[in-house]
Protein backbone atom coordinates (compact mmCIF):
# COMPACT_ATOMS: atom_id res chain seq x y z
CA MET A 1 5.62 9.33 26.97
CA THR A 2 6.48 7.08 29.61
CA GLU A 3 6.10 3.28 28.46
CA ILE A 4 3.70 1.14 30.50
CA THR A 5 4.33 -2.33 31.08
CA LEU A 6 1.41 -4.82 30.50
CA PHE A 7 1.45 -8.36 31.40
CA TYR A 8 -0.49 -10.51 29.31
CA ALA A 9 -1.48 -13.77 31.03
CA THR A 10 -1.08 -16.25 28.23
CA ASN A 11 1.41 -18.76 26.74
CA ASN A 12 -0.28 -18.55 23.40
CA LYS A 13 2.06 -17.24 20.82
CA ASN A 14 -0.96 -16.20 18.17
CA LYS A 15 -2.60 -14.24 20.93
CA LEU A 16 0.63 -12.69 21.89
CA HIS A 17 1.36 -11.74 18.58
CA ASN A 18 -1.91 -10.45 17.75
CA MET A 19 -1.72 -8.08 20.89
CA TYR A 20 1.83 -7.00 19.83
CA TYR A 21 0.07 -5.83 16.69
CA ARG A 22 -2.73 -4.45 18.38
CA LEU A 23 -0.60 -2.29 20.42
CA LYS A 24 2.11 -1.37 18.08
CA ASP A 25 1.39 2.32 18.20
CA TYR A 26 1.36 2.78 22.02
CA PRO A 27 3.89 2.93 24.12
CA ILE A 28 2.72 -0.48 26.13
CA LYS A 29 5.46 -3.00 26.64
CA ILE A 30 4.07 -6.53 26.90
CA LEU A 31 5.54 -9.01 29.00
CA SER A 32 4.02 -12.46 29.44
CA PRO A 33 4.78 -15.73 31.56
CA ASN A 34 7.61 -16.93 29.74
CA ASP A 35 9.39 -13.25 30.08
CA VAL A 36 9.06 -13.36 33.92
CA ASP A 37 9.41 -16.89 34.28
CA ILE A 38 5.98 -17.35 36.27
CA HIS A 39 3.74 -19.95 34.94
CA LEU A 40 0.90 -20.45 37.21
CA GLU A 41 -1.46 -23.38 37.21
CA ILE A 42 -5.15 -21.69 37.28
CA ASP A 43 -8.46 -23.63 37.40
CA GLU A 44 -10.71 -22.14 34.87
CA ASN A 45 -13.80 -23.23 36.46
CA GLY A 46 -15.95 -19.76 35.73
CA LYS A 47 -19.10 -20.12 34.27
CA THR A 48 -18.20 -17.39 31.58
CA ALA A 49 -15.21 -16.45 29.59
CA ILE A 50 -15.19 -12.96 31.94
CA GLU A 51 -15.12 -14.96 35.13
CA ASN A 52 -12.30 -17.42 33.80
CA ALA A 53 -10.59 -14.37 32.38
CA LEU A 54 -10.77 -12.71 36.16
CA LEU A 55 -9.61 -15.90 37.73
CA LYS A 56 -6.55 -15.93 35.74
CA ALA A 57 -5.81 -12.06 35.83
CA THR A 58 -6.35 -12.09 39.29
CA ALA A 59 -3.75 -15.26 40.25
CA TYR A 60 -1.31 -13.00 38.02
CA TYR A 61 -1.92 -9.87 39.69
CA LYS A 62 -1.34 -11.01 43.19
CA VAL A 63 2.17 -12.34 42.19
CA LEU A 64 3.16 -9.20 40.13
CA ASN A 65 1.60 -6.67 41.43
CA MET A 66 1.55 -4.88 38.27
CA PRO A 67 -1.03 -4.14 35.42
CA VAL A 68 -2.45 -7.70 34.16
CA ILE A 69 -4.71 -8.49 31.25
CA ALA A 70 -6.02 -11.84 30.91
CA GLY A 71 -9.03 -13.52 28.33
CA ASP A 72 -10.98 -16.22 27.71
CA SER A 73 -12.79 -17.46 24.53
CA GLY A 74 -15.65 -19.13 23.53
CA LEU A 75 -17.75 -20.53 20.49
CA TYR A 76 -21.23 -20.27 19.58
CA ILE A 77 -22.72 -21.90 16.38
CA ASP A 78 -26.02 -21.29 14.62
CA GLY A 79 -28.25 -24.16 14.39
CA LEU A 80 -26.93 -26.30 17.18
CA SER A 81 -28.66 -26.98 20.40
CA ILE A 82 -27.73 -25.40 23.82
CA GLU A 83 -26.61 -28.80 24.89
CA LYS A 84 -24.56 -29.07 21.57
CA GLN A 85 -22.99 -25.86 21.62
CA PRO A 86 -19.17 -25.18 22.33
CA GLY A 87 -19.44 -22.18 24.57
CA LEU A 88 -15.97 -22.15 26.64
CA TYR A 89 -15.12 -25.83 25.62
CA VAL A 90 -13.94 -25.32 21.59
CA ARG A 91 -11.37 -28.21 21.96
CA ARG A 92 -13.22 -30.49 24.59
CA VAL A 93 -15.69 -32.57 23.17
CA ALA A 94 -17.41 -35.33 24.98
CA GLY A 95 -15.12 -35.05 27.38
CA LYS A 96 -12.06 -35.31 25.16
CA VAL A 97 -9.43 -33.01 24.50
CA LEU A 98 -8.90 -32.76 20.43
CA SER A 99 -5.86 -32.53 18.84
CA ASP A 100 -5.81 -29.94 16.16
CA ASP A 101 -6.64 -32.60 13.49
CA GLU A 102 -9.58 -34.13 15.26
CA MET A 103 -10.96 -30.66 16.04
CA ILE A 104 -10.57 -29.71 12.43
CA ASP A 105 -12.26 -33.20 11.35
CA TYR A 106 -14.94 -32.86 13.97
CA TYR A 107 -16.14 -29.26 13.00
CA ALA A 108 -15.68 -29.57 9.60
CA SER A 109 -18.21 -32.55 10.08
CA LEU A 110 -20.42 -30.14 11.69
CA ALA A 111 -20.40 -28.14 8.54
CA LYS A 112 -21.19 -30.85 6.20
CA SER A 113 -24.01 -31.95 8.22
CA THR A 114 -25.64 -28.47 7.83
CA ALA A 115 -24.82 -28.87 4.12
CA ASN A 116 -22.23 -26.00 4.37
CA ASP A 117 -24.51 -23.49 5.89
CA CYS A 118 -23.08 -22.86 9.22
CA PHE A 119 -21.75 -19.84 10.77
CA ILE A 120 -19.62 -19.33 13.70
CA HIS A 121 -19.91 -16.61 16.27
CA TYR A 122 -16.91 -16.07 18.67
CA PHE A 123 -16.94 -13.98 21.90
CA THR A 124 -14.16 -13.43 24.27
CA GLY A 125 -14.35 -11.91 27.87
CA ILE A 126 -11.13 -9.76 28.80
CA ALA A 127 -10.21 -8.92 32.48
CA LEU A 128 -8.23 -6.26 33.43
CA ILE A 129 -6.65 -5.38 36.67
CA THR A 130 -4.35 -2.58 37.74
CA ASN A 131 -3.60 -0.25 40.72
CA GLU A 132 -6.69 1.32 39.85
CA GLY A 133 -9.19 -1.34 39.77
CA THR A 134 -10.82 -4.22 37.63
CA PHE A 135 -12.15 -3.81 34.55
CA THR A 136 -14.37 -6.30 32.02
CA LYS A 137 -15.34 -6.33 28.73
CA GLU A 138 -17.09 -9.23 26.25
CA ILE A 139 -16.48 -8.63 22.83
CA LYS A 140 -18.19 -10.38 19.69
CA ASP A 141 -16.35 -11.27 16.46
CA SER A 142 -17.90 -10.77 13.26
CA PRO A 143 -19.36 -13.90 12.33
CA LEU A 144 -17.26 -16.75 9.88
CA LYS A 145 -19.04 -19.49 7.55
CA LEU A 146 -17.42 -22.62 8.76
CA SER A 147 -16.44 -24.97 5.75
CA SER A 148 -16.76 -28.89 5.41
CA ILE A 149 -13.81 -28.66 3.35
CA PRO A 150 -10.26 -27.55 5.14
CA ASN A 151 -7.82 -25.33 3.42
CA SER A 152 -4.79 -27.11 1.58
CA ASN A 153 -2.68 -24.76 3.86
CA ARG A 154 -3.25 -26.16 7.24
CA LYS A 155 -0.98 -23.51 8.81
CA HIS A 156 -2.51 -21.31 11.42
CA LYS A 157 -1.45 -19.07 14.40
CA GLY A 158 -2.97 -21.11 17.19
CA ASN A 159 -6.61 -21.73 16.33
CA PRO A 160 -7.14 -24.82 14.28
CA LEU A 161 -10.70 -23.85 13.12
CA ASP A 162 -9.02 -20.79 11.09
CA VAL A 163 -7.91 -23.69 8.55
CA ILE A 164 -12.03 -24.18 7.94
CA SER A 165 -13.19 -21.00 8.56
CA LEU A 166 -14.53 -18.70 5.58
CA VAL A 167 -14.33 -14.83 5.28
CA GLU A 168 -17.05 -13.14 3.15
CA ASP A 169 -15.30 -13.25 0.16
CA GLY A 170 -14.41 -17.07 0.39
CA ARG A 171 -10.77 -17.00 1.37
CA TYR A 172 -9.71 -18.99 4.22
CA PHE A 173 -9.33 -17.18 7.80
CA ASN A 174 -5.60 -18.64 7.72
CA ASP A 175 -4.69 -17.19 4.85
CA LEU A 176 -5.40 -13.53 5.93
CA SER A 177 -2.91 -11.26 6.70
CA ASP A 178 -2.85 -8.97 9.79
CA GLU A 179 -3.84 -6.28 8.23
CA GLU A 180 -6.57 -8.13 6.42
CA ARG A 181 -7.72 -9.81 9.64
CA VAL A 182 -7.92 -6.56 11.59
CA ALA A 183 -10.01 -5.05 8.70
CA LEU A 184 -12.37 -7.83 8.87
CA ASP A 185 -13.50 -7.28 12.41
CA LYS A 186 -12.31 -3.73 12.57
CA LYS A 187 -15.02 -2.67 15.25
CA GLY A 188 -14.11 -5.75 17.14
CA GLU A 189 -10.62 -4.48 17.16
CA GLN A 190 -11.04 -1.47 17.87
CA GLU A 191 -13.04 -2.21 20.94
CA PHE A 192 -10.21 -4.25 22.44
CA THR A 193 -7.16 -1.98 21.77
CA ASP A 194 -9.65 1.15 23.33
CA PHE A 195 -10.50 -0.79 26.32
CA ILE A 196 -6.72 -1.27 27.16
CA VAL A 197 -5.57 2.00 26.45
CA SER A 198 -8.02 3.68 28.30
CA ASN A 199 -8.02 1.66 30.99
CA VAL A 200 -4.10 1.50 31.65
CA MET A 201 -2.93 4.90 30.29
CA LYS A 202 -5.10 6.85 32.74
């Protein structure tokens, strides 16, 4: 089977790692901006995750004229008012862009204010552009419990909140292996993979 090249519009090493793992059994080669030495400044001013994903995918497709996929994520937290929801601005609070440690401390304090009974829900908007057309999808991840006590292991793969996110058995998300992470949200991972494969390998 002929290998297909797919450009992933992200410089996030964690997202690239997850994509490589997700598509490891398919003849799909992933390229990133670093691979082609093209880095576009894109104003992600969309009102939804899908709109932002489309902005990124469209910009790179116009330059590369090859299959391009892009994504954008947001976060919903149980018990917060609409005005206080992070939404698409998980790292930005009151106009300030938080460092990793500031982000961990801020969300840990939210968990503490709810007596450690706080669940978070990630959602991801995906946009894929090929010569056959434009395809979009929103995927909702399984909920995670937010802890007010950070993991002593502060290493993460791109998302600082993994350090204070607990899975059902009480382990921290950033302690999970790739296999465990995929198994945790098997439905969402399969949706993501099927979306890409069905539209790229037509």
